[in-house]
N, C-alpha and C. Protein backbone atom coordinates (compact mmCIF):
# COMPACT_ATOMS: atom_id res chain seq x y z
N MET A 1 79.17 157.07 -34.91
CA MET A 1 78.39 157.29 -36.12
C MET A 1 78.51 158.75 -36.57
N ILE A 2 78.27 158.97 -37.85
CA ILE A 2 78.48 160.29 -38.42
C ILE A 2 77.15 161.02 -38.66
N LEU A 3 77.12 162.26 -38.20
CA LEU A 3 76.00 163.15 -38.44
C LEU A 3 76.51 164.33 -39.26
N ILE A 4 75.83 164.64 -40.36
CA ILE A 4 76.16 165.82 -41.16
C ILE A 4 75.21 166.94 -40.75
N ILE A 5 75.78 168.06 -40.31
CA ILE A 5 74.98 169.23 -39.95
C ILE A 5 75.27 170.33 -40.96
N ASP A 6 74.24 170.74 -41.68
CA ASP A 6 74.40 171.82 -42.66
C ASP A 6 73.27 172.82 -42.52
N SER A 7 73.14 173.71 -43.50
CA SER A 7 72.14 174.76 -43.40
C SER A 7 70.72 174.21 -43.40
N LEU A 8 70.53 173.01 -43.93
CA LEU A 8 69.18 172.43 -44.04
C LEU A 8 68.67 171.86 -42.72
N ASN A 9 69.58 171.36 -41.88
CA ASN A 9 69.13 170.72 -40.64
C ASN A 9 69.74 171.32 -39.38
N ARG A 10 70.47 172.41 -39.54
CA ARG A 10 71.19 173.03 -38.41
C ARG A 10 70.27 173.28 -37.21
N ALA A 11 69.05 173.72 -37.45
CA ALA A 11 68.14 174.05 -36.35
C ALA A 11 67.76 172.83 -35.53
N ASN A 12 67.97 171.63 -36.07
CA ASN A 12 67.60 170.40 -35.36
C ASN A 12 68.66 169.94 -34.37
N TYR A 13 69.87 170.51 -34.46
CA TYR A 13 70.98 169.99 -33.67
C TYR A 13 71.77 171.09 -32.95
N PRO A 14 71.09 171.94 -32.19
CA PRO A 14 71.81 173.04 -31.52
C PRO A 14 72.79 172.54 -30.46
N GLN A 15 72.43 171.50 -29.70
CA GLN A 15 73.32 170.99 -28.65
C GLN A 15 74.56 170.34 -29.26
N THR A 16 74.36 169.59 -30.32
CA THR A 16 75.48 168.92 -30.97
C THR A 16 76.46 169.94 -31.54
N LEU A 17 75.94 170.96 -32.20
CA LEU A 17 76.81 171.98 -32.77
C LEU A 17 77.53 172.75 -31.66
N ASP A 18 76.86 172.96 -30.54
CA ASP A 18 77.49 173.62 -29.40
C ASP A 18 78.67 172.79 -28.90
N GLU A 19 78.50 171.46 -28.85
CA GLU A 19 79.59 170.57 -28.44
C GLU A 19 80.75 170.63 -29.43
N VAL A 20 80.43 170.76 -30.72
CA VAL A 20 81.47 170.89 -31.74
C VAL A 20 82.35 172.10 -31.45
N PHE A 21 81.71 173.23 -31.18
CA PHE A 21 82.46 174.47 -30.94
C PHE A 21 83.27 174.40 -29.64
N LYS A 22 82.75 173.70 -28.64
CA LYS A 22 83.50 173.53 -27.39
C LYS A 22 84.73 172.65 -27.61
N LEU A 23 84.55 171.58 -28.38
CA LEU A 23 85.68 170.71 -28.68
C LEU A 23 86.74 171.47 -29.46
N ARG A 24 86.33 172.23 -30.44
CA ARG A 24 87.29 173.02 -31.22
C ARG A 24 88.09 173.97 -30.33
N ALA A 25 87.44 174.58 -29.33
CA ALA A 25 88.15 175.49 -28.43
C ALA A 25 89.21 174.75 -27.64
N ARG A 26 88.87 173.57 -27.12
CA ARG A 26 89.83 172.80 -26.32
C ARG A 26 91.03 172.36 -27.16
N VAL A 27 90.78 172.03 -28.42
CA VAL A 27 91.87 171.53 -29.26
C VAL A 27 92.70 172.67 -29.83
N PHE A 28 92.06 173.62 -30.50
CA PHE A 28 92.84 174.61 -31.25
C PHE A 28 93.43 175.71 -30.38
N GLU A 29 92.73 176.12 -29.34
CA GLU A 29 93.33 177.10 -28.43
C GLU A 29 94.13 176.39 -27.35
N GLY A 30 93.50 175.41 -26.70
CA GLY A 30 94.12 174.77 -25.55
C GLY A 30 95.30 173.89 -25.88
N ARG A 31 95.13 172.94 -26.83
CA ARG A 31 96.19 171.97 -27.11
C ARG A 31 97.19 172.46 -28.14
N LEU A 32 96.73 173.12 -29.20
CA LEU A 32 97.62 173.52 -30.28
C LEU A 32 98.14 174.95 -30.16
N GLY A 33 97.48 175.76 -29.32
CA GLY A 33 97.95 177.13 -29.12
C GLY A 33 97.73 178.06 -30.29
N TRP A 34 96.73 177.75 -31.11
CA TRP A 34 96.43 178.64 -32.25
C TRP A 34 95.76 179.92 -31.76
N ASP A 35 95.95 180.96 -32.51
CA ASP A 35 95.31 182.25 -32.21
C ASP A 35 93.91 182.23 -32.81
N VAL A 36 92.96 181.71 -32.05
CA VAL A 36 91.58 181.56 -32.53
C VAL A 36 90.64 182.34 -31.62
N ASN A 37 89.43 182.53 -32.10
CA ASN A 37 88.43 183.29 -31.36
C ASN A 37 87.62 182.36 -30.46
N VAL A 38 87.84 182.46 -29.16
CA VAL A 38 87.11 181.63 -28.19
C VAL A 38 86.31 182.53 -27.27
N VAL A 39 85.00 182.30 -27.23
CA VAL A 39 84.10 183.05 -26.37
C VAL A 39 83.26 182.06 -25.58
N ASP A 40 83.27 182.19 -24.25
CA ASP A 40 82.50 181.29 -23.38
C ASP A 40 82.83 179.83 -23.66
N GLY A 41 84.11 179.55 -23.93
CA GLY A 41 84.53 178.17 -24.12
C GLY A 41 84.19 177.57 -25.46
N ARG A 42 83.83 178.41 -26.44
CA ARG A 42 83.44 177.93 -27.77
C ARG A 42 84.27 178.64 -28.83
N GLU A 43 84.83 177.87 -29.76
CA GLU A 43 85.62 178.45 -30.84
C GLU A 43 84.79 178.53 -32.11
N THR A 44 84.60 179.73 -32.60
CA THR A 44 83.90 179.95 -33.86
C THR A 44 84.64 181.04 -34.64
N ASP A 45 84.37 181.11 -35.93
CA ASP A 45 84.94 182.17 -36.74
C ASP A 45 83.95 182.59 -37.81
N ARG A 46 84.36 183.52 -38.65
CA ARG A 46 83.43 184.06 -39.64
C ARG A 46 83.02 183.03 -40.69
N PHE A 47 83.81 182.00 -40.88
CA PHE A 47 83.48 180.98 -41.87
C PHE A 47 82.33 180.09 -41.40
N ASP A 48 82.10 180.03 -40.09
CA ASP A 48 80.95 179.28 -39.58
C ASP A 48 79.63 179.96 -39.94
N ARG A 49 79.69 181.21 -40.34
CA ARG A 49 78.47 181.93 -40.73
C ARG A 49 78.19 181.80 -42.23
N LEU A 50 79.00 181.01 -42.94
CA LEU A 50 78.83 180.85 -44.39
C LEU A 50 78.14 179.54 -44.76
N ASP A 51 77.39 178.98 -43.83
CA ASP A 51 76.64 177.74 -44.04
C ASP A 51 77.53 176.57 -44.47
N PRO A 52 78.60 176.29 -43.72
CA PRO A 52 79.40 175.11 -44.05
C PRO A 52 78.66 173.84 -43.65
N ALA A 53 79.21 172.72 -44.04
CA ALA A 53 78.73 171.43 -43.54
C ALA A 53 79.69 170.96 -42.45
N HIS A 54 79.14 170.47 -41.35
CA HIS A 54 79.96 169.93 -40.26
C HIS A 54 79.80 168.41 -40.26
N VAL A 55 80.92 167.71 -40.36
CA VAL A 55 80.93 166.25 -40.28
C VAL A 55 81.23 165.90 -38.83
N VAL A 56 80.27 165.29 -38.14
CA VAL A 56 80.38 165.11 -36.69
C VAL A 56 80.30 163.63 -36.32
N SER A 57 81.27 163.17 -35.56
CA SER A 57 81.26 161.80 -35.05
C SER A 57 80.69 161.81 -33.63
N LEU A 58 79.69 160.96 -33.41
CA LEU A 58 79.04 160.86 -32.10
C LEU A 58 79.30 159.49 -31.49
N ASP A 59 79.53 159.46 -30.19
CA ASP A 59 79.67 158.17 -29.53
C ASP A 59 78.29 157.59 -29.20
N ASP A 60 78.26 156.47 -28.51
CA ASP A 60 76.99 155.78 -28.28
C ASP A 60 76.05 156.58 -27.38
N ASP A 61 76.59 157.55 -26.64
CA ASP A 61 75.75 158.39 -25.77
C ASP A 61 75.37 159.71 -26.44
N GLY A 62 75.75 159.89 -27.69
CA GLY A 62 75.39 161.11 -28.41
C GLY A 62 76.34 162.26 -28.20
N HIS A 63 77.51 162.00 -27.59
CA HIS A 63 78.49 163.06 -27.38
C HIS A 63 79.39 163.21 -28.61
N VAL A 64 79.79 164.44 -28.89
CA VAL A 64 80.69 164.71 -30.01
C VAL A 64 82.09 164.23 -29.64
N VAL A 65 82.66 163.35 -30.47
CA VAL A 65 84.02 162.87 -30.22
C VAL A 65 84.97 163.20 -31.38
N GLY A 66 84.43 163.76 -32.45
CA GLY A 66 85.26 164.17 -33.58
C GLY A 66 84.46 165.05 -34.52
N CYS A 67 85.14 165.92 -35.28
CA CYS A 67 84.40 166.79 -36.19
C CYS A 67 85.34 167.35 -37.26
N MET A 68 84.72 167.82 -38.33
CA MET A 68 85.43 168.48 -39.42
C MET A 68 84.46 169.44 -40.08
N ARG A 69 84.97 170.54 -40.62
CA ARG A 69 84.14 171.52 -41.32
C ARG A 69 84.47 171.50 -42.81
N LEU A 70 83.44 171.49 -43.64
CA LEU A 70 83.60 171.51 -45.09
C LEU A 70 83.00 172.79 -45.64
N LEU A 71 83.78 173.48 -46.49
CA LEU A 71 83.34 174.75 -47.03
C LEU A 71 83.71 174.84 -48.50
N GLN A 72 82.85 175.43 -49.30
CA GLN A 72 83.15 175.62 -50.71
C GLN A 72 84.34 176.56 -50.88
N THR A 73 85.09 176.35 -51.94
CA THR A 73 86.25 177.21 -52.21
C THR A 73 85.93 178.33 -53.20
N THR A 74 84.68 178.38 -53.68
CA THR A 74 84.31 179.44 -54.62
C THR A 74 84.16 180.79 -53.94
N GLY A 75 84.00 180.79 -52.63
CA GLY A 75 83.88 182.03 -51.86
C GLY A 75 84.98 182.11 -50.82
N PRO A 76 84.78 182.91 -49.77
CA PRO A 76 85.78 183.01 -48.71
C PRO A 76 86.04 181.65 -48.07
N HIS A 77 87.30 181.33 -47.81
CA HIS A 77 87.66 180.12 -47.07
C HIS A 77 89.02 180.35 -46.43
N MET A 78 89.41 179.47 -45.54
CA MET A 78 90.55 179.74 -44.68
C MET A 78 91.88 179.79 -45.43
N LEU A 79 92.09 178.89 -46.39
CA LEU A 79 93.35 178.91 -47.10
C LEU A 79 93.53 180.21 -47.87
N ALA A 80 92.44 180.74 -48.41
CA ALA A 80 92.52 181.98 -49.17
C ALA A 80 92.64 183.21 -48.27
N ASP A 81 91.97 183.19 -47.11
CA ASP A 81 91.82 184.42 -46.33
C ASP A 81 92.51 184.42 -44.97
N VAL A 82 92.97 183.26 -44.50
CA VAL A 82 93.65 183.19 -43.20
C VAL A 82 95.05 182.61 -43.34
N PHE A 83 95.16 181.51 -44.07
CA PHE A 83 96.44 180.82 -44.21
C PHE A 83 97.11 181.11 -45.55
N SER A 84 96.85 182.27 -46.11
CA SER A 84 97.36 182.58 -47.45
C SER A 84 98.88 182.62 -47.51
N ASP A 85 99.57 182.80 -46.38
CA ASP A 85 101.04 182.79 -46.38
C ASP A 85 101.58 181.47 -46.90
N ILE A 86 100.81 180.40 -46.70
CA ILE A 86 101.24 179.08 -47.17
C ILE A 86 101.43 179.09 -48.69
N LEU A 87 100.61 179.87 -49.38
CA LEU A 87 100.57 179.83 -50.85
C LEU A 87 101.71 180.59 -51.51
N GLU A 88 102.50 181.33 -50.76
CA GLU A 88 103.65 182.07 -51.29
C GLU A 88 103.28 182.98 -52.47
N GLY A 89 102.13 183.65 -52.34
CA GLY A 89 101.72 184.58 -53.38
C GLY A 89 100.94 183.96 -54.52
N GLU A 90 100.83 182.64 -54.56
CA GLU A 90 100.03 181.99 -55.60
C GLU A 90 98.54 182.15 -55.29
N PRO A 91 97.68 182.23 -56.30
CA PRO A 91 96.24 182.36 -56.05
C PRO A 91 95.68 181.08 -55.44
N PRO A 92 94.68 181.19 -54.58
CA PRO A 92 94.08 179.99 -53.99
C PRO A 92 93.27 179.21 -55.02
N LEU A 93 93.07 177.94 -54.74
CA LEU A 93 92.20 177.13 -55.59
C LEU A 93 90.76 177.60 -55.43
N ARG A 94 90.06 177.74 -56.54
CA ARG A 94 88.64 178.09 -56.49
C ARG A 94 87.92 177.26 -57.54
N SER A 95 87.04 176.39 -57.06
CA SER A 95 86.31 175.51 -57.97
C SER A 95 85.05 174.99 -57.27
N ALA A 96 84.00 174.82 -58.04
CA ALA A 96 82.76 174.25 -57.51
C ALA A 96 82.93 172.78 -57.14
N THR A 97 84.00 172.14 -57.62
CA THR A 97 84.21 170.73 -57.32
C THR A 97 85.33 170.51 -56.31
N ILE A 98 85.79 171.59 -55.66
CA ILE A 98 86.80 171.48 -54.61
C ILE A 98 86.24 172.06 -53.32
N TRP A 99 86.27 171.30 -52.26
CA TRP A 99 85.87 171.78 -50.94
C TRP A 99 87.10 171.93 -50.06
N GLU A 100 87.00 172.85 -49.12
CA GLU A 100 88.04 172.98 -48.10
C GLU A 100 87.60 172.25 -46.84
N ALA A 101 88.49 171.42 -46.32
CA ALA A 101 88.24 170.71 -45.06
C ALA A 101 89.12 171.32 -43.98
N THR A 102 88.50 171.88 -42.95
CA THR A 102 89.26 172.49 -41.86
C THR A 102 88.62 172.13 -40.52
N ARG A 103 89.28 172.60 -39.47
CA ARG A 103 88.81 172.42 -38.09
C ARG A 103 88.56 170.95 -37.76
N PHE A 104 89.41 170.08 -38.31
CA PHE A 104 89.31 168.67 -37.92
C PHE A 104 89.89 168.50 -36.52
N CYS A 105 89.19 167.79 -35.67
CA CYS A 105 89.72 167.48 -34.34
C CYS A 105 88.97 166.29 -33.74
N VAL A 106 89.61 165.65 -32.78
CA VAL A 106 88.98 164.56 -32.04
C VAL A 106 89.14 164.83 -30.55
N ASP A 107 88.26 164.24 -29.77
CA ASP A 107 88.26 164.46 -28.32
C ASP A 107 89.17 163.44 -27.64
N THR A 108 90.41 163.83 -27.39
CA THR A 108 91.36 162.92 -26.78
C THR A 108 91.04 162.64 -25.31
N GLN A 109 90.14 163.42 -24.71
CA GLN A 109 89.73 163.17 -23.33
C GLN A 109 88.73 162.03 -23.24
N ARG A 110 87.89 161.88 -24.27
CA ARG A 110 86.88 160.81 -24.27
C ARG A 110 87.38 159.54 -24.96
N LEU A 111 88.37 159.68 -25.82
CA LEU A 111 88.81 158.55 -26.63
C LEU A 111 90.12 157.97 -26.12
N ASP A 112 90.31 156.67 -26.37
CA ASP A 112 91.57 156.04 -25.97
C ASP A 112 92.48 155.89 -27.18
N ARG A 113 93.63 155.25 -26.99
CA ARG A 113 94.63 155.17 -28.05
C ARG A 113 94.75 153.78 -28.64
N GLY A 114 93.73 152.96 -28.48
CA GLY A 114 93.74 151.64 -29.09
C GLY A 114 93.25 151.69 -30.53
N ARG A 115 92.62 150.61 -30.98
CA ARG A 115 92.08 150.55 -32.32
C ARG A 115 90.58 150.26 -32.33
N GLY A 116 89.97 150.25 -31.14
CA GLY A 116 88.55 149.92 -31.04
C GLY A 116 87.65 151.08 -31.40
N ARG A 117 86.34 150.85 -31.25
CA ARG A 117 85.32 151.84 -31.62
C ARG A 117 85.51 153.15 -30.89
N ASN A 118 86.01 153.09 -29.66
CA ASN A 118 86.13 154.31 -28.86
C ASN A 118 87.57 154.83 -28.87
N SER A 119 88.24 154.71 -30.00
CA SER A 119 89.65 155.12 -30.08
C SER A 119 89.82 156.34 -30.98
N ILE A 120 90.93 157.03 -30.76
CA ILE A 120 91.27 158.19 -31.59
C ILE A 120 91.41 157.76 -33.05
N SER A 121 92.07 156.62 -33.27
CA SER A 121 92.29 156.13 -34.63
C SER A 121 90.98 155.85 -35.35
N TYR A 122 90.06 155.18 -34.67
CA TYR A 122 88.78 154.82 -35.29
C TYR A 122 87.98 156.07 -35.65
N VAL A 123 87.87 157.00 -34.70
CA VAL A 123 87.07 158.20 -34.93
C VAL A 123 87.70 159.06 -36.02
N THR A 124 89.03 159.14 -36.04
CA THR A 124 89.70 159.88 -37.12
C THR A 124 89.31 159.31 -38.47
N SER A 125 89.37 158.00 -38.62
CA SER A 125 89.00 157.36 -39.89
C SER A 125 87.52 157.55 -40.19
N GLU A 126 86.69 157.44 -39.17
CA GLU A 126 85.25 157.57 -39.38
C GLU A 126 84.89 158.96 -39.90
N VAL A 127 85.50 160.00 -39.34
CA VAL A 127 85.23 161.36 -39.81
C VAL A 127 85.70 161.52 -41.26
N MET A 128 86.87 160.97 -41.58
CA MET A 128 87.38 161.06 -42.95
C MET A 128 86.45 160.34 -43.93
N ILE A 129 86.01 159.14 -43.56
CA ILE A 129 85.10 158.39 -44.43
C ILE A 129 83.81 159.18 -44.64
N GLY A 130 83.26 159.71 -43.55
CA GLY A 130 82.03 160.49 -43.65
C GLY A 130 82.19 161.71 -44.55
N ALA A 131 83.33 162.40 -44.41
CA ALA A 131 83.56 163.60 -45.21
C ALA A 131 83.69 163.27 -46.69
N PHE A 132 84.47 162.23 -47.01
CA PHE A 132 84.68 161.88 -48.42
C PHE A 132 83.41 161.30 -49.06
N GLU A 133 82.67 160.50 -48.31
CA GLU A 133 81.44 159.94 -48.89
C GLU A 133 80.39 161.02 -49.08
N TYR A 134 80.29 161.92 -48.13
CA TYR A 134 79.37 163.05 -48.28
C TYR A 134 79.78 163.92 -49.46
N GLY A 135 81.08 164.16 -49.60
CA GLY A 135 81.58 164.94 -50.72
C GLY A 135 81.28 164.29 -52.06
N ARG A 136 81.47 162.98 -52.15
CA ARG A 136 81.18 162.29 -53.41
C ARG A 136 79.71 162.41 -53.78
N MET A 137 78.84 162.29 -52.78
CA MET A 137 77.41 162.42 -53.05
C MET A 137 77.05 163.82 -53.54
N ALA A 138 77.86 164.82 -53.17
CA ALA A 138 77.63 166.21 -53.58
C ALA A 138 78.36 166.56 -54.87
N GLY A 139 79.06 165.60 -55.47
CA GLY A 139 79.75 165.86 -56.73
C GLY A 139 81.12 166.49 -56.58
N ILE A 140 81.71 166.39 -55.40
CA ILE A 140 83.02 166.99 -55.16
C ILE A 140 84.12 166.04 -55.63
N GLU A 141 85.15 166.59 -56.28
CA GLU A 141 86.23 165.78 -56.83
C GLU A 141 87.52 165.85 -56.01
N ASP A 142 87.76 166.96 -55.34
CA ASP A 142 88.98 167.12 -54.56
C ASP A 142 88.69 167.90 -53.28
N ALA A 143 89.59 167.74 -52.31
CA ALA A 143 89.51 168.49 -51.07
C ALA A 143 90.88 169.06 -50.76
N VAL A 144 90.90 170.26 -50.20
CA VAL A 144 92.14 170.86 -49.72
C VAL A 144 91.99 171.06 -48.22
N ALA A 145 93.06 170.77 -47.49
CA ALA A 145 93.00 170.86 -46.03
C ALA A 145 94.28 171.46 -45.49
N VAL A 146 94.14 172.33 -44.50
CA VAL A 146 95.30 172.86 -43.78
C VAL A 146 95.53 171.94 -42.58
N ILE A 147 96.67 171.28 -42.57
CA ILE A 147 96.98 170.28 -41.55
C ILE A 147 98.36 170.57 -40.96
N ASP A 148 98.70 169.83 -39.91
CA ASP A 148 100.05 169.94 -39.34
C ASP A 148 100.82 168.65 -39.65
N PRO A 149 102.13 168.62 -39.41
CA PRO A 149 102.92 167.43 -39.75
C PRO A 149 102.45 166.17 -39.04
N VAL A 150 101.95 166.29 -37.81
CA VAL A 150 101.45 165.11 -37.10
C VAL A 150 100.26 164.53 -37.83
N MET A 151 99.30 165.40 -38.22
CA MET A 151 98.14 164.93 -38.95
C MET A 151 98.56 164.37 -40.30
N ASN A 152 99.55 164.96 -40.91
CA ASN A 152 100.03 164.46 -42.21
C ASN A 152 100.54 163.03 -42.07
N ARG A 153 101.28 162.75 -40.99
CA ARG A 153 101.78 161.39 -40.77
C ARG A 153 100.64 160.42 -40.50
N VAL A 154 99.65 160.87 -39.73
CA VAL A 154 98.48 160.03 -39.46
C VAL A 154 97.77 159.68 -40.76
N MET A 155 97.58 160.67 -41.62
CA MET A 155 96.89 160.45 -42.88
C MET A 155 97.68 159.48 -43.77
N CYS A 156 98.99 159.64 -43.81
CA CYS A 156 99.81 158.75 -44.64
C CYS A 156 99.75 157.31 -44.15
N ARG A 157 99.72 157.12 -42.82
CA ARG A 157 99.67 155.77 -42.26
C ARG A 157 98.31 155.11 -42.48
N SER A 158 97.26 155.91 -42.62
CA SER A 158 95.90 155.36 -42.62
C SER A 158 95.29 155.25 -44.01
N GLY A 159 96.12 155.30 -45.06
CA GLY A 159 95.60 155.16 -46.41
C GLY A 159 95.00 156.42 -46.96
N ASN A 160 95.24 157.55 -46.31
CA ASN A 160 94.62 158.81 -46.69
C ASN A 160 95.68 159.86 -47.02
N ALA A 161 96.81 159.42 -47.56
CA ALA A 161 97.91 160.34 -47.84
C ALA A 161 97.52 161.38 -48.89
N PRO A 162 97.85 162.65 -48.68
CA PRO A 162 97.62 163.66 -49.71
C PRO A 162 98.35 163.29 -51.00
N TYR A 163 97.78 163.65 -52.14
CA TYR A 163 98.46 163.40 -53.40
C TYR A 163 99.35 164.56 -53.81
N ASP A 164 99.21 165.71 -53.12
CA ASP A 164 100.07 166.86 -53.42
C ASP A 164 99.91 167.89 -52.31
N TYR A 165 100.77 168.90 -52.33
CA TYR A 165 100.73 169.98 -51.35
C TYR A 165 100.84 171.31 -52.10
N LEU A 166 100.25 172.34 -51.51
CA LEU A 166 100.31 173.68 -52.09
C LEU A 166 101.28 174.55 -51.28
N GLY A 167 102.02 175.42 -51.97
CA GLY A 167 102.86 176.39 -51.28
C GLY A 167 103.95 175.76 -50.44
N LYS A 168 104.12 176.29 -49.22
CA LYS A 168 105.22 175.85 -48.35
C LYS A 168 104.71 175.66 -46.92
N PRO A 169 105.35 174.78 -46.14
CA PRO A 169 105.02 174.66 -44.71
C PRO A 169 105.25 176.00 -44.00
N THR A 170 104.30 176.40 -43.14
CA THR A 170 104.34 177.72 -42.52
C THR A 170 104.07 177.61 -41.02
N PRO A 171 104.89 178.24 -40.15
CA PRO A 171 104.63 178.19 -38.71
C PRO A 171 103.24 178.75 -38.37
N MET A 172 102.53 178.06 -37.47
CA MET A 172 101.18 178.47 -37.07
C MET A 172 100.98 178.05 -35.62
N GLY A 173 101.06 179.00 -34.69
CA GLY A 173 100.95 178.65 -33.28
C GLY A 173 102.11 177.74 -32.87
N LYS A 174 101.79 176.61 -32.25
CA LYS A 174 102.81 175.67 -31.80
C LYS A 174 103.20 174.66 -32.88
N VAL A 175 102.57 174.74 -34.04
CA VAL A 175 102.80 173.73 -35.07
C VAL A 175 103.14 174.40 -36.40
N THR A 176 103.40 173.57 -37.40
CA THR A 176 103.62 174.03 -38.77
C THR A 176 102.41 173.65 -39.60
N ALA A 177 101.92 174.57 -40.41
CA ALA A 177 100.73 174.32 -41.22
C ALA A 177 101.12 173.93 -42.64
N LEU A 178 100.42 172.94 -43.18
CA LEU A 178 100.60 172.48 -44.54
C LEU A 178 99.26 172.54 -45.27
N ALA A 179 99.28 172.81 -46.55
CA ALA A 179 98.06 172.77 -47.36
C ALA A 179 98.10 171.51 -48.21
N ALA A 180 97.26 170.54 -47.88
CA ALA A 180 97.29 169.23 -48.51
C ALA A 180 96.11 169.04 -49.45
N LEU A 181 96.36 168.33 -50.55
CA LEU A 181 95.32 168.04 -51.53
C LEU A 181 94.98 166.55 -51.50
N MET A 182 93.68 166.23 -51.55
CA MET A 182 93.20 164.86 -51.56
C MET A 182 92.11 164.70 -52.59
N ASP A 183 92.18 163.62 -53.36
CA ASP A 183 91.10 163.33 -54.28
C ASP A 183 89.93 162.70 -53.52
N VAL A 184 88.74 163.08 -53.88
CA VAL A 184 87.54 162.53 -53.24
C VAL A 184 87.11 161.34 -54.11
N SER A 185 87.70 160.19 -53.85
CA SER A 185 87.53 159.04 -54.73
C SER A 185 87.11 157.79 -53.95
N GLU A 186 86.52 156.85 -54.67
CA GLU A 186 86.15 155.57 -54.07
C GLU A 186 87.39 154.83 -53.59
N ASP A 187 88.50 154.95 -54.32
CA ASP A 187 89.72 154.27 -53.92
C ASP A 187 90.24 154.79 -52.59
N ARG A 188 90.21 156.10 -52.40
CA ARG A 188 90.66 156.67 -51.13
C ARG A 188 89.76 156.20 -49.98
N ILE A 189 88.47 156.23 -50.20
CA ILE A 189 87.54 155.78 -49.17
C ILE A 189 87.78 154.31 -48.82
N ARG A 190 88.00 153.48 -49.84
CA ARG A 190 88.27 152.06 -49.60
C ARG A 190 89.53 151.87 -48.77
N ARG A 191 90.59 152.62 -49.07
CA ARG A 191 91.83 152.49 -48.32
C ARG A 191 91.64 152.84 -46.86
N ILE A 192 90.90 153.92 -46.59
CA ILE A 192 90.66 154.32 -45.20
C ILE A 192 89.81 153.27 -44.50
N ARG A 193 88.78 152.77 -45.17
CA ARG A 193 87.92 151.74 -44.58
C ARG A 193 88.73 150.48 -44.27
N ASP A 194 89.59 150.06 -45.19
CA ASP A 194 90.39 148.86 -44.96
C ASP A 194 91.34 149.05 -43.78
N PHE A 195 91.96 150.22 -43.69
CA PHE A 195 92.87 150.49 -42.58
C PHE A 195 92.13 150.41 -41.24
N ALA A 196 90.95 151.01 -41.18
CA ALA A 196 90.22 151.11 -39.92
C ALA A 196 89.33 149.89 -39.64
N GLY A 197 89.11 149.05 -40.64
CA GLY A 197 88.18 147.94 -40.46
C GLY A 197 86.74 148.40 -40.36
N ILE A 198 86.44 149.51 -41.00
CA ILE A 198 85.08 150.06 -40.99
C ILE A 198 84.43 149.74 -42.33
N HIS A 199 83.52 148.78 -42.34
CA HIS A 199 82.90 148.38 -43.60
C HIS A 199 81.38 148.56 -43.60
N HIS A 200 80.87 149.18 -42.55
CA HIS A 200 79.43 149.43 -42.47
C HIS A 200 79.12 150.87 -42.87
N ASP A 201 77.85 151.18 -43.01
CA ASP A 201 77.41 152.55 -43.29
C ASP A 201 77.68 153.40 -42.05
N VAL A 202 78.45 154.47 -42.19
CA VAL A 202 78.84 155.26 -41.02
C VAL A 202 77.82 156.34 -40.66
N PHE A 203 76.83 156.59 -41.52
CA PHE A 203 75.93 157.71 -41.31
C PHE A 203 74.74 157.36 -40.43
N LEU A 204 74.41 158.28 -39.54
CA LEU A 204 73.16 158.18 -38.78
C LEU A 204 71.99 158.42 -39.72
N GLY A 205 70.84 157.84 -39.40
CA GLY A 205 69.66 158.05 -40.22
C GLY A 205 69.14 159.48 -40.12
N THR A 206 68.36 159.88 -41.08
CA THR A 206 67.81 161.24 -41.09
C THR A 206 66.81 161.46 -39.96
N ASP A 207 66.41 160.38 -39.29
CA ASP A 207 65.46 160.50 -38.18
C ASP A 207 66.17 160.65 -36.83
N TYR A 208 67.50 160.81 -36.85
CA TYR A 208 68.24 160.94 -35.60
C TYR A 208 67.79 162.18 -34.84
N VAL A 209 67.56 162.02 -33.52
CA VAL A 209 67.16 163.12 -32.65
C VAL A 209 68.19 163.27 -31.54
N GLU A 210 68.55 164.49 -31.23
CA GLU A 210 69.51 164.75 -30.15
C GLU A 210 69.00 164.20 -28.83
N PRO A 211 69.91 163.65 -28.00
CA PRO A 211 69.51 163.26 -26.64
C PRO A 211 69.08 164.50 -25.86
N LYS A 212 68.13 164.33 -24.99
CA LYS A 212 67.66 165.46 -24.18
C LYS A 212 68.71 165.83 -23.13
N THR A 213 68.79 167.13 -22.84
CA THR A 213 69.69 167.59 -21.78
C THR A 213 69.07 167.26 -20.43
N ALA A 214 69.89 167.37 -19.37
CA ALA A 214 69.40 167.09 -18.00
C ALA A 214 68.24 168.04 -17.66
N ALA A 215 68.34 169.30 -18.11
CA ALA A 215 67.28 170.27 -17.82
C ALA A 215 65.97 169.88 -18.53
N GLU A 216 66.11 169.40 -19.77
CA GLU A 216 64.92 168.99 -20.52
C GLU A 216 64.27 167.77 -19.89
N VAL A 217 65.11 166.84 -19.41
CA VAL A 217 64.57 165.64 -18.75
C VAL A 217 63.85 166.01 -17.47
N ALA A 218 64.44 166.93 -16.70
CA ALA A 218 63.84 167.36 -15.43
C ALA A 218 62.51 168.07 -15.65
N ALA A 219 62.42 168.82 -16.75
CA ALA A 219 61.18 169.54 -17.06
C ALA A 219 60.06 168.59 -17.44
């Protein structure tokens, strides 16, 4: 299920957000070899201090198994300030109706490679559905994302193919980075849902409460 963590409810989900940052460290530093800031096993950057929205997939035990960060493009964002080489000198997109989607990752240690609820494929689609539906509710028309060729192929296979790309593919750590454009549309959401077989409401209710930690239970 999908939990949206933003500036309005961030204080309610400290453990969940902590798991998000730990997962990001394992994926972006450990698996992809990106030059990212990892402290005490958690990957964060200056954009996390700009009140982004985090789209978080939780398994049945409340553990983070997938996540994505959404940030407005009207201010600082990664394509403009970190991955600007991709743009080949062209100005970055800046619009109140365009969000940047970055730091997408899934927990390959907890998930399997089938097509069931606990699979990489399912969680990938669930995070995408959550991000696009949340974006539509906020009036967003397009999203830009820095992805690698593997993710690009996954998106194309799952009904979520970018409609265009910005700049040029650029080496980044162990992979090549691409700047992909996606429309935030009902048609795109339908295609992803049909591919994944997800036809229910993916969002957790606003009354969702984090599971207690072992220390809290013991106390």
